[in-house]
């Protein structure tokens, strides 16, 4: 009898670990960029930034096309494609030329973009509604876990593996093992309980999604925060604000707190609204504070508050009436692609304002601080899907 994986927590373990490995491979490659540049004799930082920027393009393209892939080959094999694309990062440490290096980063980013969309139909298929907030929260923190392991543990990993190239190779090989294990997952073992067969047959197209006002409100609510988050790690250190490193660690704590909160309190909007207000205030303090300890405090609170509402925010589409696996895939496909498209434009505008103002970050900080308020403002345009306990 062939071996099959039919336990929902084993399935979630594969999903979670696969994305943690993606984060480790991606951030590990970025952290090793100086070594990569030296090994390939790349002296242009514009070329290096293009390597890092390949993930942004991949995320826009990948998240938008993710729903189409599931429609063609189903969630199981769509996730397998995503996992195998992540394995292409194996070329990064040994690429013989710049073009192949750029391709490997793009394909790996594409795999990560697909995967983040597929979290949701997988969770809907395998877990009951009351279990989904916790699983959604775990998936939301996966990238932070992988990032933290690399930022704080890369020297130790390199010492064990024998060097940065061997470490990146190891990440890709483990990702390959996880992809092969995914083939053993038996989707037919459990029937999705989220809707009737009639609802599953009602196809929700990209055009339907673009006409749905909820999708625009949902993506725009998150887009300002995502724009800030990317600018935080791209520009803030260059502006002399080094406290961004605190955001990662306390983001993990914030996600755990959000999961615990969502288990006790089913209402979604209050925690999103409160977190949105605190995000705006702490971004203001981090960007314009003049005392180092105060900026550090703002970064700590900010990291906690950025991820505190994530479980509630991701749970909203899951709790909408007549939700299906196909519909939720389209919703999150549009959610991520719109958010990344806006954040890419904001990132360019942020840098442009710095150039226009002869190196001053003041106008750029004003822009990104105002945009960080989208979580608070957007919460007034989202439906309350949670049911208050009697």
Protein backbone atom coordinates (compact mmCIF):
# COMPACT_ATOMS: atom_id res chain seq x y z
CA UNK A 1 0.00 0.00 0.00
CA UNK A 2 1.56 3.36 -1.01
CA UNK A 3 2.39 5.85 1.72
CA UNK A 4 -0.06 8.76 1.91
CA UNK A 5 -0.18 11.90 4.06
CA UNK A 6 -3.75 12.40 5.24
CA UNK A 7 -3.38 14.09 8.64
CA UNK A 8 -4.22 17.79 8.49
CA UNK A 9 -1.45 18.83 10.89
CA UNK A 10 1.17 17.01 8.81
CA UNK A 11 -0.15 18.88 5.77
CA UNK A 12 0.09 22.19 7.63
CA UNK A 13 3.60 21.25 8.78
CA UNK A 14 4.67 20.82 5.15
CA UNK A 15 3.06 24.12 4.11
CA UNK A 16 4.57 26.08 7.01
CA UNK A 17 8.06 24.59 6.70
CA UNK A 18 8.09 25.05 2.92
CA UNK A 19 7.54 28.79 3.31
CA UNK A 20 10.06 29.05 6.14
CA UNK A 21 12.64 27.46 3.80
CA UNK A 22 11.68 29.92 1.05
CA UNK A 23 12.31 32.81 3.43
CA UNK A 24 15.66 31.35 4.48
CA UNK A 25 16.72 30.85 0.86
CA UNK A 26 15.57 34.29 -0.23
CA UNK A 27 16.91 36.29 2.72
CA UNK A 28 20.04 34.11 2.82
CA UNK A 29 20.72 35.02 -0.81
CA UNK A 30 20.17 38.70 -0.08
CA UNK A 31 22.42 38.53 3.00
CA UNK A 32 25.10 36.85 0.87
CA UNK A 33 24.84 39.42 -1.92
CA UNK A 34 28.34 40.79 -1.27
CA UNK A 35 29.79 37.28 -1.71
CA UNK A 36 27.69 36.73 -4.84
CA UNK A 37 28.83 40.05 -6.32
CA UNK A 38 32.46 39.25 -5.56
CA UNK A 39 32.28 35.72 -7.00
CA UNK A 40 30.74 37.01 -10.24
CA UNK A 41 32.83 40.20 -10.36
CA UNK A 42 29.73 42.40 -10.19
CA UNK A 43 30.73 45.89 -9.12
CA UNK A 44 27.53 47.76 -9.99
CA UNK A 45 25.11 48.16 -7.09
CA UNK A 46 22.39 48.82 -9.66
CA UNK A 47 22.92 45.28 -10.94
CA UNK A 48 22.85 43.97 -7.37
CA UNK A 49 19.63 45.83 -6.62
CA UNK A 50 18.10 44.33 -9.76
CA UNK A 51 18.85 40.88 -8.36
CA UNK A 52 17.03 41.79 -5.13
CA UNK A 53 14.25 43.50 -7.05
CA UNK A 54 13.53 40.37 -9.08
CA UNK A 55 11.38 39.11 -6.18
CA UNK A 56 9.12 42.15 -6.38
CA UNK A 57 8.32 41.57 -10.04
CA UNK A 58 7.90 37.85 -9.36
CA UNK A 59 5.44 38.56 -6.54
CA UNK A 60 3.29 40.82 -8.72
CA UNK A 61 3.25 38.36 -11.62
CA UNK A 62 3.01 35.26 -9.43
CA UNK A 63 0.27 36.39 -7.07
CA UNK A 64 -1.86 37.59 -9.98
CA UNK A 65 -1.50 34.34 -11.92
CA UNK A 66 -1.80 31.97 -8.97
CA UNK A 67 -5.58 31.48 -9.23
CA UNK A 68 -5.31 30.62 -12.94
CA UNK A 69 -2.84 27.84 -12.14
CA UNK A 70 -5.14 26.27 -9.53
CA UNK A 71 -8.02 26.37 -11.99
CA UNK A 72 -5.93 24.40 -14.50
CA UNK A 73 -4.31 21.77 -12.27
CA UNK A 74 -5.93 21.95 -8.82
CA UNK A 75 -4.57 23.18 -5.49
CA UNK A 76 -2.37 20.16 -4.81
CA UNK A 77 -0.37 20.33 -8.03
CA UNK A 78 -0.38 24.14 -8.10
CA UNK A 79 1.32 24.07 -4.68
CA UNK A 80 3.78 21.48 -6.03
CA UNK A 81 4.68 23.83 -8.91
CA UNK A 82 5.27 26.60 -6.34
CA UNK A 83 7.49 24.31 -4.24
CA UNK A 84 9.56 23.23 -7.26
CA UNK A 85 10.01 26.86 -8.37
CA UNK A 86 11.43 27.64 -4.93
CA UNK A 87 13.96 24.83 -5.44
CA UNK A 88 15.35 26.72 -8.48
CA UNK A 89 17.15 28.86 -5.90
CA UNK A 90 19.72 26.05 -6.00
CA UNK A 91 21.24 27.92 -8.97
CA UNK A 92 21.86 31.11 -6.97
CA UNK A 93 25.16 30.20 -5.26
CA UNK A 94 26.62 28.48 -8.32
CA UNK A 95 25.23 30.50 -11.25
CA UNK A 96 27.96 30.88 -13.91
CA UNK A 97 26.68 34.25 -15.12
CA UNK A 98 24.57 37.22 -14.12
CA UNK A 99 21.61 36.31 -16.34
CA UNK A 100 21.21 32.85 -14.82
CA UNK A 101 21.54 34.31 -11.34
CA UNK A 102 18.76 36.81 -12.10
CA UNK A 103 16.59 34.02 -13.51
CA UNK A 104 17.06 31.84 -10.43
CA UNK A 105 16.03 34.68 -8.13
CA UNK A 106 13.00 35.48 -10.26
CA UNK A 107 11.80 31.86 -10.42
CA UNK A 108 12.31 31.37 -6.70
CA UNK A 109 10.37 34.57 -5.99
CA UNK A 110 7.63 33.35 -8.33
CA UNK A 111 7.35 30.13 -6.32
CA UNK A 112 7.06 32.09 -3.08
CA UNK A 113 4.38 34.31 -4.63
CA UNK A 114 2.31 31.30 -5.72
CA UNK A 115 2.71 29.63 -2.34
CA UNK A 116 1.47 32.58 -0.27
CA UNK A 117 -1.80 32.56 -2.25
CA UNK A 118 -2.27 28.78 -1.90
CA UNK A 119 -2.16 28.91 1.90
CA UNK A 120 -5.82 29.91 1.91
CA UNK A 121 -7.52 27.22 -0.23
CA UNK A 122 -5.42 24.60 1.57
CA UNK A 123 -6.54 25.89 4.97
CA UNK A 124 -10.17 25.97 3.80
CA UNK A 125 -9.95 22.41 2.50
CA UNK A 126 -8.31 20.79 5.51
CA UNK A 127 -9.48 22.77 8.54
CA UNK A 128 -12.84 23.52 10.13
CA UNK A 129 -13.89 27.21 10.38
CA UNK A 130 -13.09 27.43 14.09
CA UNK A 131 -9.54 26.15 13.46
CA UNK A 132 -8.70 28.43 10.55
CA UNK A 133 -7.71 31.63 12.43
CA UNK A 134 -4.92 29.78 14.27
CA UNK A 135 -3.61 28.11 11.11
CA UNK A 136 -3.82 31.37 9.16
CA UNK A 137 -1.80 33.06 11.89
CA UNK A 138 0.88 30.35 11.78
CA UNK A 139 1.20 30.67 8.02
CA UNK A 140 1.43 34.44 8.32
CA UNK A 141 4.46 34.20 10.63
CA UNK A 142 6.33 31.62 8.52
CA UNK A 143 8.32 34.20 6.53
CA UNK A 144 9.33 36.03 9.71
CA UNK A 145 10.52 32.79 11.28
CA UNK A 146 12.72 32.01 8.28
CA UNK A 147 14.00 35.59 8.13
CA UNK A 148 14.85 35.62 11.84
CA UNK A 149 16.71 32.29 11.54
CA UNK A 150 18.89 33.75 8.80
CA UNK A 151 19.45 37.20 10.30
CA UNK A 152 20.49 35.81 13.66
CA UNK A 153 21.78 32.37 12.74
CA UNK A 154 23.44 32.62 9.31
CA UNK A 155 27.02 32.70 10.69
CA UNK A 156 26.36 29.51 12.68
CA UNK A 157 24.64 27.86 9.70
CA UNK A 158 27.61 28.77 7.48
CA UNK A 159 30.03 27.35 10.05
CA UNK A 160 28.14 24.04 10.12
CA UNK A 161 27.63 23.76 6.35
CA UNK A 162 31.06 24.98 5.35
CA UNK A 163 30.20 28.35 3.79
CA UNK A 164 27.48 30.57 2.36
CA UNK A 165 27.26 28.61 -0.90
CA UNK A 166 26.76 25.32 0.92
CA UNK A 167 24.12 26.92 3.17
CA UNK A 168 22.07 28.16 0.22
CA UNK A 169 22.46 24.74 -1.42
CA UNK A 170 21.24 23.07 1.78
CA UNK A 171 18.12 25.30 1.93
CA UNK A 172 17.23 24.34 -1.65
CA UNK A 173 17.81 20.62 -1.09
CA UNK A 174 15.55 20.59 1.97
CA UNK A 175 12.93 22.47 -0.09
CA UNK A 176 13.19 19.72 -2.71
CA UNK A 177 12.60 17.04 -0.07
CA UNK A 178 9.51 18.90 1.14
CA UNK A 179 8.23 19.20 -2.44
CA UNK A 180 8.59 15.43 -2.91
CA UNK A 181 6.81 14.79 0.39
CA UNK A 182 3.98 17.03 -0.82
CA UNK A 183 3.29 14.48 -3.56
CA UNK A 184 2.20 12.09 -0.81
CA UNK A 185 -0.55 14.42 0.42
CA UNK A 186 -3.95 12.87 -0.32
CA UNK A 187 -6.49 15.64 -0.91
CA UNK A 188 -9.34 13.21 -1.60
CA UNK A 189 -9.06 11.95 1.96
CA UNK A 190 -11.00 14.93 3.34
CA UNK A 191 -13.99 16.70 1.90
CA UNK A 192 -13.91 20.47 2.02
CA UNK A 193 -16.59 21.51 4.49
CA UNK A 194 -16.70 25.17 3.62
CA UNK A 195 -19.48 25.02 1.04
CA UNK A 196 -21.84 22.83 -0.89
CA UNK A 197 -20.99 21.26 -4.23
CA UNK A 198 -23.25 23.80 -5.92
CA UNK A 199 -21.20 26.65 -4.47
CA UNK A 200 -17.94 24.96 -5.49
CA UNK A 201 -19.17 24.82 -9.07
CA UNK A 202 -19.87 28.58 -9.18
CA UNK A 203 -16.68 29.93 -10.76
CA UNK A 204 -15.47 33.28 -9.42
CA UNK A 205 -13.34 34.78 -12.16
CA UNK A 206 -10.67 37.48 -12.10
CA UNK A 207 -13.20 39.83 -13.70
CA UNK A 208 -15.68 39.07 -10.92
CA UNK A 209 -12.96 39.79 -8.41
CA UNK A 210 -12.00 43.10 -10.01
CA UNK A 211 -15.68 44.17 -9.96
CA UNK A 212 -16.03 43.24 -6.28
CA UNK A 213 -15.56 46.33 -4.10
CA UNK A 214 -14.52 44.16 -1.15
CA UNK A 215 -11.32 43.09 -2.93
CA UNK A 216 -10.25 46.69 -3.53
CA UNK A 217 -10.99 47.74 0.05
CA UNK A 218 -9.19 44.65 1.34
CA UNK A 219 -6.05 45.15 -0.76
CA UNK A 220 -5.87 48.91 -0.21
CA UNK A 221 -6.18 48.41 3.56
CA UNK A 222 -2.98 46.36 3.52
CA UNK A 223 -1.10 48.11 0.70
CA UNK A 224 0.08 51.10 2.74
CA UNK A 225 1.42 48.87 5.50
CA UNK A 226 3.20 46.62 3.00
CA UNK A 227 4.71 49.70 1.33
CA UNK A 228 6.05 50.89 4.67
CA UNK A 229 7.37 47.43 5.57
CA UNK A 230 9.39 47.22 2.34
CA UNK A 231 10.67 50.80 2.71
CA UNK A 232 11.62 50.04 6.32
CA UNK A 233 14.20 47.45 5.28
CA UNK A 234 15.18 49.16 2.02
CA UNK A 235 15.64 52.82 2.93
CA UNK A 236 15.49 53.32 6.71
CA UNK A 237 19.00 51.91 7.39
CA UNK A 238 20.36 54.22 4.65
CA UNK A 239 18.65 57.12 6.43
CA UNK A 240 20.53 56.25 9.62
CA UNK A 241 17.60 54.52 11.36
CA UNK A 242 18.94 51.11 12.33
CA UNK A 243 16.11 50.07 14.64
CA UNK A 244 14.34 48.18 11.85
CA UNK A 245 15.92 44.92 13.07
CA UNK A 246 13.67 45.01 16.14
CA UNK A 247 10.56 44.79 13.96
CA UNK A 248 11.26 41.19 12.84
CA UNK A 249 11.62 39.66 16.32
CA UNK A 250 8.67 41.45 17.87
CA UNK A 251 6.63 40.71 14.74
CA UNK A 252 6.79 37.01 15.67
CA UNK A 253 5.59 37.82 19.19
CA UNK A 254 2.81 39.99 17.75
CA UNK A 255 1.61 37.17 15.50
CA UNK A 256 1.46 34.73 18.41
CA UNK A 257 -0.50 37.32 20.43
CA UNK A 258 -2.85 37.80 17.46
CA UNK A 259 -3.49 34.06 17.24
CA UNK A 260 -4.27 33.85 20.97
CA UNK A 261 -6.50 36.92 20.76
CA UNK A 262 -8.45 35.54 17.77
CA UNK A 263 -9.14 32.32 19.65
CA UNK A 264 -10.75 34.27 22.50
CA UNK A 265 -12.34 37.15 20.57
CA UNK A 266 -14.05 36.38 17.24
CA UNK A 267 -14.69 40.02 16.25
CA UNK A 268 -12.16 41.04 13.60
CA UNK A 269 -12.39 44.82 13.16
CA UNK A 270 -11.61 46.08 16.72
CA UNK A 271 -8.10 44.57 16.78
CA UNK A 272 -7.41 45.70 13.18
CA UNK A 273 -8.55 49.24 14.00
CA UNK A 274 -6.57 49.52 17.25
CA UNK A 275 -3.44 48.06 15.66
CA UNK A 276 -3.83 50.40 12.67
CA UNK A 277 -3.89 53.45 14.94
CA UNK A 278 -0.83 52.26 16.90
CA UNK A 279 1.01 51.48 13.64
CA UNK A 280 0.48 55.05 12.42
CA UNK A 281 1.67 56.55 15.73
CA UNK A 282 4.77 54.34 16.00
CA UNK A 283 5.74 54.89 12.35
CA UNK A 284 5.51 58.61 13.12
CA UNK A 285 7.77 58.17 16.16
CA UNK A 286 10.27 55.94 14.34
CA UNK A 287 10.51 58.24 11.32
CA UNK A 288 10.71 61.59 13.08
CA UNK A 289 11.95 60.76 16.57
CA UNK A 290 15.23 62.39 17.53
CA UNK A 291 16.19 60.16 20.47
CA UNK A 292 17.59 56.68 19.81
CA UNK A 293 15.88 54.91 22.74
CA UNK A 294 12.51 56.37 21.72
CA UNK A 295 12.94 55.16 18.13
CA UNK A 296 13.88 51.70 19.43
CA UNK A 297 10.74 51.63 21.60
CA UNK A 298 8.63 52.67 18.60
CA UNK A 299 10.24 49.90 16.48
CA UNK A 300 9.46 47.28 19.15
CA UNK A 301 5.82 48.36 19.50
CA UNK A 302 5.56 48.72 15.72
CA UNK A 303 6.82 45.19 15.05
CA UNK A 304 4.30 43.83 17.55
CA UNK A 305 1.39 45.86 16.13
CA UNK A 306 2.14 45.16 12.45
CA UNK A 307 1.57 41.44 12.95
CA UNK A 308 -0.96 41.52 15.80
CA UNK A 309 -3.97 42.00 13.44
CA UNK A 310 -2.74 39.67 10.67
CA UNK A 311 -4.72 36.65 11.90
CA UNK A 312 -7.93 38.71 12.05
CA UNK A 313 -7.26 40.35 8.68
CA UNK A 314 -6.61 37.06 6.86
CA UNK A 315 -9.64 35.43 8.51
CA UNK A 316 -12.14 37.92 7.03
CA UNK A 317 -12.37 36.38 3.52
CA UNK A 318 -12.60 32.89 5.04
CA UNK A 319 -15.71 33.97 6.96
CA UNK A 320 -17.57 35.68 4.12
CA UNK A 321 -20.86 34.01 3.09
CA UNK A 322 -20.76 31.28 0.41
CA UNK A 323 -16.96 31.23 0.28
CA UNK A 324 -15.33 28.51 -1.83
CA UNK A 325 -11.75 27.36 -2.31
CA UNK A 326 -11.70 28.72 -5.86
CA UNK A 327 -13.15 32.10 -4.86
CA UNK A 328 -10.76 32.58 -1.95
CA UNK A 329 -7.82 31.80 -4.25
CA UNK A 330 -8.90 34.60 -6.59
CA UNK A 331 -9.46 36.97 -3.66
CA UNK A 332 -5.97 36.45 -2.25
CA UNK A 333 -4.46 36.45 -5.73
CA UNK A 334 -5.83 39.96 -6.26
CA UNK A 335 -5.08 40.97 -2.66
CA UNK A 336 -1.37 40.25 -2.96
CA UNK A 337 -0.89 41.41 -6.55
CA UNK A 338 -2.63 44.78 -5.96
CA UNK A 339 -0.74 45.28 -2.68
CA UNK A 340 2.64 44.49 -4.24
CA UNK A 341 1.96 46.61 -7.31
CA UNK A 342 1.12 49.63 -5.13
CA UNK A 343 4.11 49.03 -2.84
CA UNK A 344 6.43 48.85 -5.86
CA UNK A 345 5.19 52.25 -7.04
CA UNK A 346 5.51 53.67 -3.52
CA UNK A 347 9.06 52.33 -3.22
CA UNK A 348 10.01 54.13 -6.45
CA UNK A 349 8.27 57.34 -5.33
CA UNK A 350 10.01 57.18 -1.92
CA UNK A 351 13.43 57.06 -3.59
CA UNK A 352 12.44 59.71 -6.13
CA UNK A 353 11.49 62.15 -3.37
CA UNK A 354 14.86 61.59 -1.71
CA UNK A 355 16.59 62.43 -5.01
CA UNK A 356 14.44 65.52 -5.62
CA UNK A 357 15.18 66.81 -2.12
CA UNK A 358 18.97 66.37 -2.46
CA UNK A 359 19.20 63.41 -0.10
CA UNK A 360 16.68 64.61 2.50
CA UNK A 361 14.29 61.90 3.70
CA UNK A 362 11.75 64.28 5.28
CA UNK A 363 9.20 64.32 2.41
CA UNK A 364 9.59 60.57 1.89
CA UNK A 365 8.98 59.89 5.57
CA UNK A 366 5.86 62.09 5.48
CA UNK A 367 4.57 60.08 2.50
CA UNK A 368 5.20 56.66 4.03
CA UNK A 369 3.82 57.69 7.44
CA UNK A 370 0.55 58.83 5.87
CA UNK A 371 0.33 55.60 3.84
CA UNK A 372 0.85 53.50 6.98
CA UNK A 373 -2.57 54.75 8.12
CA UNK A 374 -4.36 52.63 5.49
CA UNK A 375 -4.89 49.82 8.03
CA UNK A 376 -6.78 52.15 10.37
CA UNK A 377 -8.75 53.92 7.63
CA UNK A 378 -9.41 50.73 5.66
CA UNK A 379 -10.90 48.98 8.71
CA UNK A 380 -13.96 51.22 8.32
CA UNK A 381 -14.56 49.84 4.81
CA UNK A 382 -14.26 46.14 5.69
CA UNK A 383 -17.15 43.93 6.84
CA UNK A 384 -17.25 42.48 10.34
CA UNK A 385 -17.34 38.74 9.72
CA UNK A 386 -16.82 37.55 13.29
CA UNK A 387 -19.75 36.68 15.50
CA UNK A 388 -19.81 38.13 19.01
CA UNK A 389 -19.98 35.53 21.77
CA UNK A 390 -23.19 35.55 23.77
